[in-house]
Amino acid sequence: MTAPDTIRQLVEHFEQNHESYRSGKYNEAQLRQEFLNPFFEALGWDMFNKQGYAEAYKDVIHEASLDQVNDDREVRHG
């Protein structure tokens, strides 16, 4: 089985720019938007709940990044 064209394009894009992605300036939100969401969408996942399902039935539930969670804890407990 071959990978969908979208996934091949994502791999090519990453390979062409991998140094900037691994530089430490590329964050989790950028990774999710540019690579993970399109990757799972290419595999048929409803990444943005286009079907309009209730929370319990969504394919994907987006959560805060670990940095956001840690920032929130510092504000509450700091």
C-alpha atoms as a PDB file:
ATOM      1  CA  MET A   1       0.000   0.000   0.000  1.00  0.00           C
ATOM      2  CA  THR A   2       1.403   3.398  -0.929  1.00  0.00           C
ATOM      3  CA  ALA A   3       1.095   6.561   1.117  1.00  0.00           C
ATOM      4  CA  PRO A   4      -1.438   9.171  -0.025  1.00  0.00           C
ATOM      5  CA  ASP A   5       0.059  12.043  -2.052  1.00  0.00           C
ATOM      6  CA  THR A   6      -0.585  14.455   0.813  1.00  0.00           C
ATOM      7  CA  ILE A   7       1.611  12.412   3.134  1.00  0.00           C
ATOM      8  CA  ARG A   8       4.402  12.177   0.550  1.00  0.00           C
ATOM      9  CA  GLN A   9       4.235  15.960   0.132  1.00  0.00           C
ATOM     10  CA  LEU A  10       4.431  16.464   3.904  1.00  0.00           C
ATOM     11  CA  VAL A  11       7.521  14.250   4.088  1.00  0.00           C
ATOM     12  CA  GLU A  12       9.175  16.119   1.215  1.00  0.00           C
ATOM     13  CA  HIS A  13       8.366  19.469   2.836  1.00  0.00           C
ATOM     14  CA  PHE A  14       9.844  18.311   6.139  1.00  0.00           C
ATOM     15  CA  GLU A  15      12.992  16.965   4.477  1.00  0.00           C
ATOM     16  CA  GLN A  16      13.556  20.244   2.632  1.00  0.00           C
ATOM     17  CA  ASN A  17      13.302  22.303   5.824  1.00  0.00           C
ATOM     18  CA  HIS A  18      14.265  19.875   8.586  1.00  0.00           C
ATOM     19  CA  GLU A  19      17.057  22.076   9.964  1.00  0.00           C
ATOM     20  CA  SER A  20      14.660  24.904  10.795  1.00  0.00           C
ATOM     21  CA  TYR A  21      12.141  22.478  12.327  1.00  0.00           C
ATOM     22  CA  ARG A  22      14.804  21.004  14.615  1.00  0.00           C
ATOM     23  CA  SER A  23      16.276  24.385  15.581  1.00  0.00           C
ATOM     24  CA  GLY A  24      14.243  24.742  18.781  1.00  0.00           C
ATOM     25  CA  LYS A  25      12.272  27.719  17.455  1.00  0.00           C
ATOM     26  CA  TYR A  26       9.615  25.530  15.852  1.00  0.00           C
ATOM     27  CA  ASN A  27       6.884  24.909  18.417  1.00  0.00           C
ATOM     28  CA  GLU A  28       4.248  22.274  19.079  1.00  0.00           C
ATOM     29  CA  ALA A  29       1.376  24.355  17.673  1.00  0.00           C
ATOM     30  CA  GLN A  30       3.244  24.908  14.404  1.00  0.00           C
ATOM     31  CA  LEU A  31       4.007  21.193  14.137  1.00  0.00           C
ATOM     32  CA  ARG A  32       0.374  20.333  14.715  1.00  0.00           C
ATOM     33  CA  GLN A  33      -0.924  22.813  12.119  1.00  0.00           C
ATOM     34  CA  GLU A  34       1.639  22.154   9.394  1.00  0.00           C
ATOM     35  CA  PHE A  35       2.174  18.410   9.723  1.00  0.00           C
ATOM     36  CA  LEU A  36       0.044  16.447  12.174  1.00  0.00           C
ATOM     37  CA  ASN A  37      -3.395  17.796  11.271  1.00  0.00           C
ATOM     38  CA  PRO A  38      -2.836  17.347   7.503  1.00  0.00           C
ATOM     39  CA  PHE A  39      -1.300  13.893   8.104  1.00  0.00           C
ATOM     40  CA  PHE A  40      -4.283  12.570  10.044  1.00  0.00           C
ATOM     41  CA  GLU A  41      -6.717  14.301   7.698  1.00  0.00           C
ATOM     42  CA  ALA A  42      -5.074  12.452   4.783  1.00  0.00           C
ATOM     43  CA  LEU A  43      -5.756   9.217   6.669  1.00  0.00           C
ATOM     44  CA  GLY A  44      -9.456  10.121   6.882  1.00  0.00           C
ATOM     45  CA  TRP A  45      -9.708  11.611  10.380  1.00  0.00           C
ATOM     46  CA  ASP A  46     -12.139  14.504  10.889  1.00  0.00           C
ATOM     47  CA  MET A  47      -9.574  16.857  12.452  1.00  0.00           C
ATOM     48  CA  PHE A  48     -11.870  19.876  12.697  1.00  0.00           C
ATOM     49  CA  ASN A  49     -15.185  18.176  13.454  1.00  0.00           C
ATOM     50  CA  LYS A  50     -16.693  19.009  10.061  1.00  0.00           C
ATOM     51  CA  GLN A  51     -19.392  16.434  10.856  1.00  0.00           C
ATOM     52  CA  GLY A  52     -20.552  18.514  13.824  1.00  0.00           C
ATOM     53  CA  TYR A  53     -20.400  15.690  16.363  1.00  0.00           C
ATOM     54  CA  ALA A  54     -20.847  16.273  20.090  1.00  0.00           C
ATOM     55  CA  GLU A  55     -17.632  16.315  22.134  1.00  0.00           C
ATOM     56  CA  ALA A  56     -17.907  12.643  23.113  1.00  0.00           C
ATOM     57  CA  TYR A  57     -18.096  11.506  19.475  1.00  0.00           C
ATOM     58  CA  LYS A  58     -15.430  13.638  17.792  1.00  0.00           C
ATOM     59  CA  ASP A  59     -12.520  11.932  16.032  1.00  0.00           C
ATOM     60  CA  VAL A  60     -10.128  14.438  17.608  1.00  0.00           C
ATOM     61  CA  ILE A  61     -10.286  16.551  20.746  1.00  0.00           C
ATOM     62  CA  HIS A  62      -7.697  19.335  20.695  1.00  0.00           C
ATOM     63  CA  GLU A  63      -5.918  19.946  23.976  1.00  0.00           C
ATOM     64  CA  ALA A  64      -3.623  22.688  25.229  1.00  0.00           C
ATOM     65  CA  SER A  65       0.091  22.180  24.713  1.00  0.00           C
ATOM     66  CA  LEU A  66       2.218  21.206  27.695  1.00  0.00           C
ATOM     67  CA  ASP A  67       3.680  24.724  27.727  1.00  0.00           C
ATOM     68  CA  GLN A  68       0.200  26.215  28.098  1.00  0.00           C
ATOM     69  CA  VAL A  69      -0.647  23.791  30.886  1.00  0.00           C
ATOM     70  CA  ASN A  70       2.601  24.606  32.718  1.00  0.00           C
ATOM     71  CA  ASP A  71       2.034  28.369  32.255  1.00  0.00           C
ATOM     72  CA  ASP A  72      -1.476  28.020  33.719  1.00  0.00           C
ATOM     73  CA  ARG A  73      -0.136  26.109  36.720  1.00  0.00           C
ATOM     74  CA  GLU A  74       2.496  28.767  37.381  1.00  0.00           C
ATOM     75  CA  VAL A  75      -0.146  31.493  37.341  1.00  0.00           C
ATOM     76  CA  ARG A  76      -2.417  29.576  39.745  1.00  0.00           C
ATOM     77  CA  HIS A  77       0.310  28.284  42.052  1.00  0.00           C
ATOM     78  CA  GLY A  78       3.068  30.860  41.579  1.00  0.00           C
END
